[in-house]
Amino acid sequence: MKNNGIVSKNANRREALSFLLFVFLLPYVCACLWGQVGEETAKLKEEERKGQQEAWMVEAALSWGVWELPMEEYLTYLLMLVIPEEGEPEALKAQAVLLRTELAARYREQKENSIFLEAEELGRFYGGYGDKGELSAYRLAVEETAGLILTCQGEPVRASSLQLTEEGGKAFCYVTGDGRDFAMRQEEAEDLAQEGKTFQEILSHFFFDSELANFE
């Protein structure tokens, strides 16, 4: 019984020392854990902030206000408005590149990652487009040309006008930095696509002195 008492006494002493050690170390452990969590949270917030800064956005002015959306989403809607009759996939891709090129030129001019555009016609897409199946070909054309723009001497070519041809078709007219004019007739682009030309080949056919580049 005596030995048992001694063991019990020593055990209580160890438990007491352990408890005191825990009490003294608890604030330190909490401070370390809180500091680590705080650092990770700050890092995530910083990465999120940088991601938002690097994203290319469009502020589309509608009748009721401004709709802010990513550039690639805006391009999907714009492509459908410009080419309402779904055509050859490669011709759609060529047009997607040209539309993105025009936006790239605006971003560079304004030196901002968000640009303001009058876009009343985009109102029909706000809140979820009714028939999303109709958008699939346009979305695919934008996705498969993601980031690509048409450049001449390192600068995006600029759209000068959209003209109607004598046949009632569309001709997209562009001008380079040195003043040379180029034009892509949509009917011809469709014909080239039907012949098996890729969107790269279609663009080089009309814009023979230009090259594709990534917009960064």
N, C-alpha and C. Protein backbone atom coordinates (compact mmCIF):
# COMPACT_ATOMS: atom_id res chain seq x y z
N MET A 1 0.83 -1.20 0.00
CA MET A 1 0.00 0.00 0.00
C MET A 1 0.86 1.24 0.00
N LYS A 2 2.04 1.17 0.73
CA LYS A 2 2.95 2.30 0.80
C LYS A 2 3.50 2.63 -0.57
N ASN A 3 3.94 1.56 -1.27
CA ASN A 3 4.47 1.76 -2.63
C ASN A 3 3.41 2.37 -3.54
N ASN A 4 2.19 1.87 -3.39
CA ASN A 4 1.13 2.42 -4.22
C ASN A 4 0.92 3.89 -3.95
N GLY A 5 1.06 4.32 -2.70
CA GLY A 5 0.91 5.72 -2.36
C GLY A 5 1.98 6.56 -2.99
N ILE A 6 3.22 6.05 -2.98
CA ILE A 6 4.32 6.79 -3.57
C ILE A 6 4.12 6.95 -5.08
N VAL A 7 3.72 5.88 -5.74
CA VAL A 7 3.46 5.92 -7.18
C VAL A 7 2.35 6.92 -7.49
N SER A 8 1.30 6.89 -6.69
CA SER A 8 0.19 7.81 -6.92
C SER A 8 0.63 9.24 -6.73
N LYS A 9 1.48 9.48 -5.72
CA LYS A 9 1.96 10.85 -5.46
C LYS A 9 2.81 11.36 -6.61
N ASN A 10 3.72 10.48 -7.10
CA ASN A 10 4.58 10.87 -8.23
C ASN A 10 3.75 11.12 -9.49
N ALA A 11 2.74 10.28 -9.67
CA ALA A 11 1.88 10.44 -10.86
C ALA A 11 1.15 11.76 -10.81
N ASN A 12 0.65 12.14 -9.63
CA ASN A 12 -0.06 13.41 -9.49
C ASN A 12 0.87 14.58 -9.76
N ARG A 13 2.14 14.43 -9.29
CA ARG A 13 3.12 15.51 -9.50
C ARG A 13 3.41 15.69 -10.98
N ARG A 14 3.57 14.54 -11.69
CA ARG A 14 3.83 14.63 -13.14
C ARG A 14 2.65 15.25 -13.88
N GLU A 15 1.45 14.87 -13.47
CA GLU A 15 0.26 15.42 -14.10
C GLU A 15 0.18 16.93 -13.86
N ALA A 16 0.54 17.34 -12.63
CA ALA A 16 0.50 18.77 -12.31
C ALA A 16 1.51 19.54 -13.14
N LEU A 17 2.75 18.96 -13.26
CA LEU A 17 3.78 19.62 -14.06
C LEU A 17 3.38 19.69 -15.54
N SER A 18 2.76 18.61 -16.00
CA SER A 18 2.31 18.60 -17.39
C SER A 18 1.25 19.66 -17.64
N PHE A 19 0.33 19.78 -16.66
CA PHE A 19 -0.73 20.78 -16.80
C PHE A 19 -0.17 22.20 -16.81
N LEU A 20 0.78 22.46 -15.89
CA LEU A 20 1.39 23.79 -15.84
C LEU A 20 2.16 24.10 -17.12
N LEU A 21 2.87 23.08 -17.62
CA LEU A 21 3.60 23.27 -18.87
C LEU A 21 2.65 23.57 -20.02
N PHE A 22 1.53 22.86 -20.03
CA PHE A 22 0.51 23.10 -21.07
C PHE A 22 -0.03 24.52 -20.99
N VAL A 23 -0.30 24.97 -19.73
CA VAL A 23 -0.85 26.32 -19.53
C VAL A 23 0.13 27.39 -20.01
N PHE A 24 1.43 27.19 -19.67
CA PHE A 24 2.43 28.18 -20.06
C PHE A 24 2.69 28.18 -21.57
N LEU A 25 2.62 27.01 -22.18
CA LEU A 25 2.93 26.91 -23.62
C LEU A 25 1.72 27.21 -24.52
N LEU A 26 0.52 27.13 -23.96
CA LEU A 26 -0.68 27.32 -24.78
C LEU A 26 -0.70 28.65 -25.52
N PRO A 27 -0.41 29.78 -24.84
CA PRO A 27 -0.41 31.06 -25.58
C PRO A 27 0.59 31.08 -26.73
N TYR A 28 1.76 30.47 -26.49
CA TYR A 28 2.79 30.43 -27.54
C TYR A 28 2.32 29.62 -28.75
N VAL A 29 1.74 28.44 -28.46
CA VAL A 29 1.25 27.58 -29.55
C VAL A 29 0.15 28.29 -30.32
N CYS A 30 -0.77 28.91 -29.59
CA CYS A 30 -1.88 29.64 -30.25
C CYS A 30 -1.35 30.77 -31.12
N ALA A 31 -0.35 31.49 -30.59
CA ALA A 31 0.21 32.61 -31.34
C ALA A 31 0.87 32.12 -32.62
N CYS A 32 1.59 30.99 -32.52
CA CYS A 32 2.23 30.43 -33.73
C CYS A 32 1.20 30.01 -34.76
N LEU A 33 0.16 29.28 -34.27
CA LEU A 33 -0.87 28.82 -35.19
C LEU A 33 -1.62 30.00 -35.81
N TRP A 34 -1.95 30.99 -35.01
CA TRP A 34 -2.69 32.15 -35.51
C TRP A 34 -1.85 32.93 -36.51
N GLY A 35 -0.55 33.04 -36.22
CA GLY A 35 0.32 33.74 -37.16
C GLY A 35 0.41 33.03 -38.49
N GLN A 36 0.49 31.68 -38.45
CA GLN A 36 0.56 30.91 -39.69
C GLN A 36 -0.72 31.04 -40.49
N VAL A 37 -1.85 30.94 -39.81
CA VAL A 37 -3.15 31.09 -40.48
C VAL A 37 -3.27 32.48 -41.08
N GLY A 38 -2.82 33.48 -40.32
CA GLY A 38 -2.88 34.85 -40.83
C GLY A 38 -2.04 35.05 -42.06
N GLU A 39 -0.85 34.45 -42.06
CA GLU A 39 0.03 34.56 -43.23
C GLU A 39 -0.59 33.90 -44.45
N GLU A 40 -1.16 32.69 -44.25
CA GLU A 40 -1.79 31.99 -45.36
C GLU A 40 -2.99 32.77 -45.90
N THR A 41 -3.78 33.35 -44.98
CA THR A 41 -4.94 34.14 -45.40
C THR A 41 -4.50 35.37 -46.19
N ALA A 42 -3.46 36.04 -45.70
CA ALA A 42 -2.95 37.22 -46.40
C ALA A 42 -2.42 36.84 -47.78
N LYS A 43 -1.75 35.68 -47.86
CA LYS A 43 -1.22 35.23 -49.14
C LYS A 43 -2.34 34.95 -50.13
N LEU A 44 -3.41 34.28 -49.66
CA LEU A 44 -4.55 33.98 -50.54
C LEU A 44 -5.21 35.26 -51.02
N LYS A 45 -5.35 36.23 -50.10
CA LYS A 45 -5.97 37.50 -50.48
C LYS A 45 -5.12 38.24 -51.51
N GLU A 46 -3.81 38.18 -51.34
CA GLU A 46 -2.91 38.85 -52.28
C GLU A 46 -2.97 38.20 -53.65
N GLU A 47 -3.00 36.85 -53.68
CA GLU A 47 -3.10 36.14 -54.96
C GLU A 47 -4.43 36.44 -55.64
N GLU A 48 -5.51 36.51 -54.85
CA GLU A 48 -6.82 36.84 -55.42
C GLU A 48 -6.82 38.25 -55.99
N ARG A 49 -6.18 39.18 -55.26
CA ARG A 49 -6.13 40.56 -55.72
C ARG A 49 -5.34 40.66 -57.03
N LYS A 50 -4.20 39.95 -57.09
CA LYS A 50 -3.41 39.97 -58.32
C LYS A 50 -4.16 39.35 -59.48
N GLY A 51 -4.92 38.25 -59.18
CA GLY A 51 -5.70 37.61 -60.23
C GLY A 51 -6.75 38.55 -60.79
N GLN A 52 -7.36 39.33 -59.91
CA GLN A 52 -8.38 40.28 -60.36
C GLN A 52 -7.75 41.39 -61.19
N GLN A 53 -6.54 41.81 -60.82
CA GLN A 53 -5.87 42.86 -61.57
C GLN A 53 -5.46 42.40 -62.96
N GLU A 54 -5.05 41.12 -63.05
CA GLU A 54 -4.56 40.60 -64.32
C GLU A 54 -5.70 40.23 -65.26
N ALA A 55 -6.93 40.11 -64.74
CA ALA A 55 -8.05 39.72 -65.57
C ALA A 55 -8.46 40.89 -66.47
N TRP A 56 -8.76 40.59 -67.72
CA TRP A 56 -9.23 41.61 -68.66
C TRP A 56 -10.74 41.67 -68.57
N MET A 57 -11.27 42.82 -68.22
CA MET A 57 -12.69 42.98 -67.99
C MET A 57 -13.28 44.02 -68.94
N VAL A 58 -14.59 43.91 -69.15
CA VAL A 58 -15.34 44.87 -69.97
C VAL A 58 -16.49 45.41 -69.13
N GLU A 59 -16.62 46.71 -69.07
CA GLU A 59 -17.77 47.36 -68.44
C GLU A 59 -18.73 47.75 -69.55
N ALA A 60 -19.75 46.92 -69.73
CA ALA A 60 -20.71 47.12 -70.81
C ALA A 60 -21.86 48.00 -70.34
N ALA A 61 -22.04 49.14 -71.00
CA ALA A 61 -23.09 50.08 -70.62
C ALA A 61 -24.41 49.66 -71.25
N LEU A 62 -25.37 49.32 -70.40
CA LEU A 62 -26.72 48.95 -70.84
C LEU A 62 -27.68 50.08 -70.46
N SER A 63 -28.93 49.96 -70.83
CA SER A 63 -29.89 51.04 -70.55
C SER A 63 -30.11 51.24 -69.06
N TRP A 64 -30.01 50.17 -68.26
CA TRP A 64 -30.28 50.24 -66.83
C TRP A 64 -29.03 50.43 -65.98
N GLY A 65 -27.85 50.28 -66.58
CA GLY A 65 -26.63 50.41 -65.80
C GLY A 65 -25.45 49.78 -66.50
N VAL A 66 -24.44 49.38 -65.73
CA VAL A 66 -23.21 48.82 -66.29
C VAL A 66 -23.09 47.36 -65.89
N TRP A 67 -22.84 46.52 -66.87
CA TRP A 67 -22.64 45.08 -66.65
C TRP A 67 -21.15 44.79 -66.82
N GLU A 68 -20.50 44.39 -65.73
CA GLU A 68 -19.08 44.07 -65.77
C GLU A 68 -18.90 42.58 -65.99
N LEU A 69 -18.16 42.21 -67.02
CA LEU A 69 -17.97 40.80 -67.35
C LEU A 69 -16.59 40.57 -67.95
N PRO A 70 -16.08 39.34 -67.87
CA PRO A 70 -14.77 39.04 -68.44
C PRO A 70 -14.75 39.24 -69.95
N MET A 71 -13.60 39.61 -70.48
CA MET A 71 -13.47 39.90 -71.90
C MET A 71 -13.90 38.71 -72.76
N GLU A 72 -13.49 37.49 -72.40
CA GLU A 72 -13.79 36.33 -73.24
C GLU A 72 -15.29 36.06 -73.27
N GLU A 73 -15.99 36.32 -72.16
CA GLU A 73 -17.44 36.16 -72.16
C GLU A 73 -18.08 37.23 -73.04
N TYR A 74 -17.59 38.44 -72.92
CA TYR A 74 -18.08 39.53 -73.77
C TYR A 74 -17.88 39.18 -75.25
N LEU A 75 -16.72 38.61 -75.58
CA LEU A 75 -16.44 38.24 -76.96
C LEU A 75 -17.42 37.21 -77.49
N THR A 76 -17.81 36.27 -76.64
CA THR A 76 -18.76 35.24 -77.06
C THR A 76 -20.07 35.88 -77.51
N TYR A 77 -20.59 36.81 -76.70
CA TYR A 77 -21.83 37.49 -77.04
C TYR A 77 -21.65 38.37 -78.28
N LEU A 78 -20.53 39.09 -78.31
CA LEU A 78 -20.28 40.00 -79.43
C LEU A 78 -20.16 39.23 -80.74
N LEU A 79 -19.51 38.08 -80.70
CA LEU A 79 -19.35 37.28 -81.91
C LEU A 79 -20.70 36.85 -82.47
N MET A 80 -21.62 36.49 -81.59
CA MET A 80 -22.95 36.10 -82.05
C MET A 80 -23.71 37.28 -82.64
N LEU A 81 -23.49 38.47 -82.05
CA LEU A 81 -24.16 39.66 -82.59
C LEU A 81 -23.60 40.05 -83.95
N VAL A 82 -22.30 39.89 -84.13
CA VAL A 82 -21.66 40.26 -85.40
C VAL A 82 -21.96 39.23 -86.47
N ILE A 83 -21.94 37.95 -86.11
CA ILE A 83 -22.22 36.87 -87.06
C ILE A 83 -23.44 36.09 -86.56
N PRO A 84 -24.64 36.65 -86.72
CA PRO A 84 -25.84 36.00 -86.17
C PRO A 84 -26.17 34.66 -86.82
N GLU A 85 -25.79 34.51 -88.10
CA GLU A 85 -26.01 33.23 -88.76
C GLU A 85 -24.76 32.37 -88.57
N GLU A 86 -24.91 31.31 -87.76
CA GLU A 86 -23.75 30.46 -87.46
C GLU A 86 -23.13 29.92 -88.74
N GLY A 87 -21.82 30.14 -88.90
CA GLY A 87 -21.14 29.72 -90.11
C GLY A 87 -20.14 28.61 -89.86
N GLU A 88 -19.15 28.55 -90.75
CA GLU A 88 -18.10 27.56 -90.61
C GLU A 88 -17.28 27.83 -89.34
N PRO A 89 -16.94 26.78 -88.58
CA PRO A 89 -16.19 26.98 -87.32
C PRO A 89 -14.89 27.76 -87.50
N GLU A 90 -14.12 27.47 -88.55
CA GLU A 90 -12.85 28.16 -88.72
C GLU A 90 -13.03 29.63 -89.08
N ALA A 91 -14.10 29.93 -89.80
CA ALA A 91 -14.39 31.33 -90.12
C ALA A 91 -14.82 32.08 -88.86
N LEU A 92 -15.56 31.41 -87.99
CA LEU A 92 -15.94 32.02 -86.72
C LEU A 92 -14.71 32.29 -85.86
N LYS A 93 -13.77 31.36 -85.86
CA LYS A 93 -12.54 31.55 -85.09
C LYS A 93 -11.75 32.74 -85.60
N ALA A 94 -11.69 32.88 -86.94
CA ALA A 94 -10.97 34.02 -87.52
C ALA A 94 -11.59 35.33 -87.07
N GLN A 95 -12.93 35.38 -87.05
CA GLN A 95 -13.61 36.59 -86.62
C GLN A 95 -13.42 36.84 -85.13
N ALA A 96 -13.37 35.77 -84.33
CA ALA A 96 -13.14 35.92 -82.89
C ALA A 96 -11.78 36.56 -82.64
N VAL A 97 -10.78 36.18 -83.42
CA VAL A 97 -9.44 36.76 -83.28
C VAL A 97 -9.48 38.25 -83.59
N LEU A 98 -10.20 38.63 -84.64
CA LEU A 98 -10.27 40.04 -85.03
C LEU A 98 -10.99 40.87 -83.96
N LEU A 99 -12.05 40.34 -83.40
CA LEU A 99 -12.77 41.08 -82.35
C LEU A 99 -11.91 41.23 -81.10
N ARG A 100 -11.17 40.18 -80.76
CA ARG A 100 -10.29 40.27 -79.60
C ARG A 100 -9.16 41.28 -79.88
N THR A 101 -8.71 41.33 -81.12
CA THR A 101 -7.64 42.26 -81.49
C THR A 101 -8.08 43.70 -81.27
N GLU A 102 -9.31 44.00 -81.63
CA GLU A 102 -9.83 45.36 -81.44
C GLU A 102 -9.86 45.72 -79.95
N LEU A 103 -10.29 44.77 -79.13
CA LEU A 103 -10.32 45.02 -77.70
C LEU A 103 -8.90 45.20 -77.14
N ALA A 104 -7.98 44.38 -77.63
CA ALA A 104 -6.59 44.48 -77.16
C ALA A 104 -6.03 45.87 -77.43
N ALA A 105 -6.34 46.42 -78.60
CA ALA A 105 -5.87 47.76 -78.93
C ALA A 105 -6.44 48.79 -77.96
N ARG A 106 -7.69 48.61 -77.55
CA ARG A 106 -8.31 49.54 -76.60
C ARG A 106 -7.65 49.44 -75.21
N TYR A 107 -7.39 48.22 -74.78
CA TYR A 107 -6.73 48.04 -73.49
C TYR A 107 -5.36 48.72 -73.48
N ARG A 108 -4.62 48.55 -74.56
CA ARG A 108 -3.29 49.15 -74.63
C ARG A 108 -3.35 50.67 -74.66
N GLU A 109 -4.34 51.20 -75.35
CA GLU A 109 -4.48 52.65 -75.42
C GLU A 109 -4.80 53.23 -74.04
N GLN A 110 -5.73 52.59 -73.35
CA GLN A 110 -6.18 53.11 -72.06
C GLN A 110 -5.29 52.69 -70.90
N LYS A 111 -4.41 51.70 -71.16
CA LYS A 111 -3.48 51.20 -70.14
C LYS A 111 -4.22 50.78 -68.87
N GLU A 112 -5.34 50.12 -69.07
CA GLU A 112 -6.14 49.61 -67.97
C GLU A 112 -6.54 48.17 -68.28
N ASN A 113 -6.86 47.40 -67.22
CA ASN A 113 -7.30 46.04 -67.46
C ASN A 113 -8.83 45.95 -67.54
N SER A 114 -9.49 47.11 -67.51
CA SER A 114 -10.94 47.17 -67.68
C SER A 114 -11.28 48.35 -68.58
N ILE A 115 -12.13 48.10 -69.59
CA ILE A 115 -12.51 49.16 -70.52
C ILE A 115 -14.03 49.34 -70.52
N PHE A 116 -14.46 50.56 -70.77
CA PHE A 116 -15.88 50.90 -70.78
C PHE A 116 -16.36 50.96 -72.23
N LEU A 117 -17.45 50.24 -72.53
CA LEU A 117 -17.97 50.18 -73.89
C LEU A 117 -19.49 50.37 -73.89
N GLU A 118 -19.99 51.12 -74.84
CA GLU A 118 -21.44 51.20 -75.05
C GLU A 118 -21.88 49.88 -75.66
N ALA A 119 -22.79 49.18 -75.00
CA ALA A 119 -23.14 47.83 -75.46
C ALA A 119 -24.60 47.52 -75.17
N GLU A 120 -25.47 48.42 -75.58
CA GLU A 120 -26.90 48.24 -75.32
C GLU A 120 -27.41 46.90 -75.85
N GLU A 121 -26.84 46.46 -76.99
CA GLU A 121 -27.33 45.22 -77.62
C GLU A 121 -27.01 43.98 -76.79
N LEU A 122 -26.13 44.11 -75.78
CA LEU A 122 -25.80 42.96 -74.95
C LEU A 122 -26.88 42.67 -73.91
N GLY A 123 -27.85 43.56 -73.77
CA GLY A 123 -28.89 43.39 -72.77
C GLY A 123 -29.63 42.07 -72.88
N ARG A 124 -29.75 41.55 -74.08
CA ARG A 124 -30.49 40.31 -74.29
C ARG A 124 -29.81 39.11 -73.63
N PHE A 125 -28.51 39.23 -73.36
CA PHE A 125 -27.77 38.11 -72.78
C PHE A 125 -27.71 38.18 -71.25
N TYR A 126 -28.07 39.31 -70.67
CA TYR A 126 -27.91 39.48 -69.24
C TYR A 126 -28.88 38.57 -68.47
N GLY A 127 -28.37 37.99 -67.39
CA GLY A 127 -29.21 37.14 -66.56
C GLY A 127 -29.35 35.73 -67.08
N GLY A 128 -28.57 35.35 -68.08
CA GLY A 128 -28.63 33.99 -68.62
C GLY A 128 -29.36 33.97 -69.94
N TYR A 129 -28.65 33.66 -70.98
CA TYR A 129 -29.26 33.65 -72.32
C TYR A 129 -30.29 32.53 -72.41
N GLY A 130 -31.42 32.82 -73.04
CA GLY A 130 -32.52 31.87 -73.12
C GLY A 130 -32.15 30.53 -73.73
N ASP A 131 -31.53 30.54 -74.88
CA ASP A 131 -31.16 29.30 -75.56
C ASP A 131 -29.64 29.21 -75.61
N LYS A 132 -29.05 28.60 -74.58
CA LYS A 132 -27.59 28.55 -74.49
C LYS A 132 -26.99 27.65 -75.56
N GLY A 133 -27.82 26.77 -76.12
CA GLY A 133 -27.33 25.91 -77.20
C GLY A 133 -26.89 26.72 -78.41
N GLU A 134 -27.55 27.85 -78.63
CA GLU A 134 -27.20 28.71 -79.76
C GLU A 134 -25.83 29.34 -79.58
N LEU A 135 -25.38 29.45 -78.34
CA LEU A 135 -24.11 30.09 -78.06
C LEU A 135 -22.92 29.13 -78.14
N SER A 136 -23.18 27.84 -78.20
CA SER A 136 -22.11 26.85 -78.07
C SER A 136 -21.03 27.01 -79.14
N ALA A 137 -21.42 27.22 -80.40
CA ALA A 137 -20.43 27.35 -81.47
C ALA A 137 -19.60 28.62 -81.29
N TYR A 138 -20.23 29.69 -80.84
CA TYR A 138 -19.52 30.95 -80.64
C TYR A 138 -18.56 30.85 -79.45
N ARG A 139 -19.04 30.20 -78.39
CA ARG A 139 -18.18 30.03 -77.21
C ARG A 139 -16.97 29.17 -77.55
N LEU A 140 -17.19 28.14 -78.36
CA LEU A 140 -16.09 27.27 -78.76
C LEU A 140 -15.06 28.03 -79.59
N ALA A 141 -15.55 28.89 -80.49
CA ALA A 141 -14.63 29.68 -81.32
C ALA A 141 -13.77 30.60 -80.47
N VAL A 142 -14.37 31.18 -79.43
CA VAL A 142 -13.61 32.06 -78.53
C VAL A 142 -12.62 31.25 -77.70
N GLU A 143 -13.06 30.11 -77.20
CA GLU A 143 -12.19 29.29 -76.35
C GLU A 143 -11.00 28.74 -77.13
N GLU A 144 -11.22 28.32 -78.37
CA GLU A 144 -10.15 27.69 -79.15
C GLU A 144 -9.19 28.71 -79.76
N THR A 145 -9.48 29.98 -79.59
CA THR A 145 -8.54 31.03 -80.02
C THR A 145 -8.13 31.90 -78.83
N ALA A 146 -8.32 31.37 -77.63
CA ALA A 146 -8.12 32.14 -76.40
C ALA A 146 -6.79 32.88 -76.40
N GLY A 147 -6.86 34.20 -76.19
CA GLY A 147 -5.66 35.01 -76.06
C GLY A 147 -5.01 35.45 -77.35
N LEU A 148 -5.46 34.93 -78.49
CA LEU A 148 -4.80 35.25 -79.76
C LEU A 148 -5.32 36.55 -80.35
N ILE A 149 -4.39 37.39 -80.80
CA ILE A 149 -4.75 38.62 -81.51
C ILE A 149 -3.90 38.72 -82.77
N LEU A 150 -4.31 39.59 -83.68
CA LEU A 150 -3.59 39.80 -84.93
C LEU A 150 -2.74 41.06 -84.80
N THR A 151 -1.46 40.93 -85.08
CA THR A 151 -0.55 42.07 -84.92
C THR A 151 0.19 42.37 -86.22
N CYS A 152 0.63 43.60 -86.31
CA CYS A 152 1.48 44.04 -87.41
C CYS A 152 2.59 44.89 -86.80
N GLN A 153 3.82 44.47 -87.00
CA GLN A 153 4.98 45.13 -86.39
C GLN A 153 4.83 45.22 -84.87
N GLY A 154 4.29 44.15 -84.29
CA GLY A 154 4.17 44.04 -82.84
C GLY A 154 2.98 44.73 -82.22
N GLU A 155 2.18 45.43 -83.00
CA GLU A 155 1.02 46.14 -82.48
C GLU A 155 -0.27 45.55 -83.04
N PRO A 156 -1.36 45.56 -82.23
CA PRO A 156 -2.64 45.04 -82.74
C PRO A 156 -3.14 45.87 -83.93
N VAL A 157 -3.65 45.20 -84.95
CA VAL A 157 -4.26 45.94 -86.05
C VAL A 157 -5.56 46.55 -85.52
N ARG A 158 -5.96 47.68 -86.08
CA ARG A 158 -7.13 48.40 -85.61
C ARG A 158 -8.27 48.33 -86.60
N ALA A 159 -9.47 48.10 -86.09
CA ALA A 159 -10.65 48.11 -86.96
C ALA A 159 -10.95 49.55 -87.34
N SER A 160 -11.16 49.76 -88.62
CA SER A 160 -11.52 51.10 -89.08
C SER A 160 -13.00 51.20 -89.37
N SER A 161 -13.58 50.11 -89.87
CA SER A 161 -15.01 50.15 -90.17
C SER A 161 -15.53 48.75 -90.47
N LEU A 162 -16.84 48.64 -90.42
CA LEU A 162 -17.54 47.43 -90.85
C LEU A 162 -18.43 47.84 -92.01
N GLN A 163 -18.12 47.34 -93.19
CA GLN A 163 -18.83 47.77 -94.38
C GLN A 163 -19.69 46.64 -94.93
N LEU A 164 -20.76 47.04 -95.59
CA LEU A 164 -21.61 46.07 -96.28
C LEU A 164 -21.17 45.98 -97.73
N THR A 165 -21.07 44.76 -98.22
CA THR A 165 -20.68 44.56 -99.62
C THR A 165 -21.90 44.77 -100.51
N GLU A 166 -21.67 44.81 -101.81
CA GLU A 166 -22.77 44.99 -102.75
C GLU A 166 -23.77 43.85 -102.67
N GLU A 167 -23.29 42.69 -102.27
CA GLU A 167 -24.18 41.53 -102.14
C GLU A 167 -24.92 41.51 -100.82
N GLY A 168 -24.67 42.51 -99.98
CA GLY A 168 -25.33 42.55 -98.68
C GLY A 168 -24.57 41.84 -97.59
N GLY A 169 -23.36 41.38 -97.90
CA GLY A 169 -22.55 40.71 -96.90
C GLY A 169 -21.75 41.70 -96.06
N LYS A 170 -20.82 41.19 -95.27
CA LYS A 170 -20.03 42.03 -94.39
C LYS A 170 -18.56 41.97 -94.76
N ALA A 171 -17.91 43.11 -94.70
CA ALA A 171 -16.47 43.20 -94.90
C ALA A 171 -15.88 43.92 -93.70
N PHE A 172 -14.95 43.28 -93.03
CA PHE A 172 -14.34 43.85 -91.83
C PHE A 172 -13.03 44.51 -92.22
N CYS A 173 -12.99 45.82 -92.14
CA CYS A 173 -11.85 46.59 -92.61
C CYS A 173 -10.96 46.99 -91.44
N TYR A 174 -9.67 46.76 -91.61
CA TYR A 174 -8.70 47.06 -90.56
C TYR A 174 -7.55 47.86 -91.14
N VAL A 175 -6.89 48.60 -90.26
CA VAL A 175 -5.76 49.42 -90.68
C VAL A 175 -4.60 49.17 -89.72
N THR A 176 -3.40 49.06 -90.26
CA THR A 176 -2.21 48.83 -89.44
C THR A 176 -1.62 50.17 -89.01
N GLY A 177 -0.61 50.09 -88.16
CA GLY A 177 0.01 51.30 -87.64
C GLY A 177 0.65 52.17 -88.70
N ASP A 178 1.07 51.55 -89.81
CA ASP A 178 1.70 52.33 -90.86
C ASP A 178 0.71 52.80 -91.92
N GLY A 179 -0.60 52.64 -91.63
CA GLY A 179 -1.63 53.20 -92.50
C GLY A 179 -2.13 52.28 -93.60
N ARG A 180 -1.65 51.05 -93.67
CA ARG A 180 -2.13 50.14 -94.72
C ARG A 180 -3.46 49.53 -94.33
N ASP A 181 -4.34 49.41 -95.32
CA ASP A 181 -5.68 48.88 -95.08
C ASP A 181 -5.76 47.40 -95.47
N PHE A 182 -6.50 46.65 -94.66
CA PHE A 182 -6.79 45.26 -94.95
C PHE A 182 -8.29 45.06 -94.76
N ALA A 183 -8.83 44.06 -95.40
CA ALA A 183 -10.26 43.77 -95.23
C ALA A 183 -10.50 42.27 -95.36
N MET A 184 -11.40 41.76 -94.55
CA MET A 184 -11.79 40.36 -94.63
C MET A 184 -13.28 40.29 -94.91
N ARG A 185 -13.63 39.78 -96.05
CA ARG A 185 -15.04 39.59 -96.37
C ARG A 185 -15.49 38.28 -95.77
N GLN A 186 -16.59 38.33 -95.03
CA GLN A 186 -17.05 37.14 -94.31
C GLN A 186 -17.42 36.02 -95.27
N GLU A 187 -17.98 36.37 -96.43
CA GLU A 187 -18.34 35.33 -97.40
C GLU A 187 -17.10 34.60 -97.89
N GLU A 188 -16.05 35.33 -98.14
CA GLU A 188 -14.80 34.71 -98.59
C GLU A 188 -14.19 33.87 -97.49
N ALA A 189 -14.29 34.35 -96.26
CA ALA A 189 -13.77 33.57 -95.13
C ALA A 189 -14.52 32.25 -95.00
N GLU A 190 -15.83 32.30 -95.22
CA GLU A 190 -16.63 31.08 -95.17
C GLU A 190 -16.21 30.12 -96.29
N ASP A 191 -15.98 30.65 -97.48
CA ASP A 191 -15.56 29.82 -98.61
C ASP A 191 -14.21 29.14 -98.32
N LEU A 192 -13.29 29.90 -97.76
CA LEU A 192 -11.97 29.33 -97.44
C LEU A 192 -12.10 28.24 -96.37
N ALA A 193 -12.98 28.46 -95.42
CA ALA A 193 -13.19 27.46 -94.37
C ALA A 193 -13.78 26.18 -94.95
N GLN A 194 -14.68 26.34 -95.91
CA GLN A 194 -15.27 25.17 -96.56
C GLN A 194 -14.24 24.40 -97.38
N GLU A 195 -13.21 25.10 -97.83
CA GLU A 195 -12.13 24.45 -98.57
C GLU A 195 -11.15 23.73 -97.64
N GLY A 196 -11.37 23.85 -96.35
CA GLY A 196 -10.52 23.17 -95.39
C GLY A 196 -9.43 24.03 -94.78
N LYS A 197 -9.49 25.35 -95.02
CA LYS A 197 -8.48 26.24 -94.45
C LYS A 197 -8.73 26.43 -92.95
N THR A 198 -7.65 26.53 -92.20
CA THR A 198 -7.75 26.81 -90.78
C THR A 198 -7.95 28.31 -90.56
N PHE A 199 -8.30 28.69 -89.35
CA PHE A 199 -8.49 30.12 -89.09
C PHE A 199 -7.18 30.88 -89.24
N GLN A 200 -6.06 30.21 -88.94
CA GLN A 200 -4.75 30.86 -89.15
C GLN A 200 -4.53 31.15 -90.63
N GLU A 201 -4.87 30.18 -91.48
CA GLU A 201 -4.69 30.35 -92.92
C GLU A 201 -5.66 31.39 -93.49
N ILE A 202 -6.86 31.44 -92.93
CA ILE A 202 -7.84 32.44 -93.38
C ILE A 202 -7.33 33.84 -93.07
N LEU A 203 -6.83 34.04 -91.86
CA LEU A 203 -6.34 35.36 -91.47
C LEU A 203 -5.12 35.76 -92.29
N SER A 204 -4.21 34.83 -92.54
CA SER A 204 -3.02 35.16 -93.32
C SER A 204 -3.36 35.44 -94.78
N HIS A 205 -4.48 34.89 -95.25
CA HIS A 205 -4.93 35.16 -96.62
C HIS A 205 -5.32 36.63 -96.79
N PHE A 206 -6.03 37.16 -95.80
CA PHE A 206 -6.49 38.54 -95.89
C PHE A 206 -5.48 39.53 -95.31
N PHE A 207 -4.83 39.12 -94.23
CA PHE A 207 -3.87 40.00 -93.55
C PHE A 207 -2.47 39.42 -93.76
N PHE A 208 -2.01 39.49 -94.99
CA PHE A 208 -0.80 38.77 -95.41
C PHE A 208 0.47 39.27 -94.74
N ASP A 209 0.46 40.48 -94.21
CA ASP A 209 1.67 41.02 -93.60
C ASP A 209 1.52 41.12 -92.08
N SER A 210 0.65 40.27 -91.52
CA SER A 210 0.41 40.30 -90.10
C SER A 210 0.69 38.93 -89.50
N GLU A 211 0.74 38.86 -88.19
CA GLU A 211 1.00 37.59 -87.53
C GLU A 211 0.20 37.49 -86.24
N LEU A 212 -0.04 36.26 -85.83
CA LEU A 212 -0.77 36.02 -84.59
C LEU A 212 0.17 36.13 -83.40
N ALA A 213 -0.37 36.64 -82.30
CA ALA A 213 0.41 36.75 -81.06
C ALA A 213 -0.53 36.61 -79.89
N ASN A 214 0.04 36.30 -78.73
CA ASN A 214 -0.76 36.20 -77.51
C ASN A 214 -0.90 37.58 -76.88
N PHE A 215 -2.12 37.90 -76.51
CA PHE A 215 -2.36 39.18 -75.83
C PHE A 215 -2.09 39.00 -74.36
N GLU A 216 -1.13 39.73 -73.83
CA GLU A 216 -0.75 39.61 -72.42
C GLU A 216 -0.85 40.96 -71.72
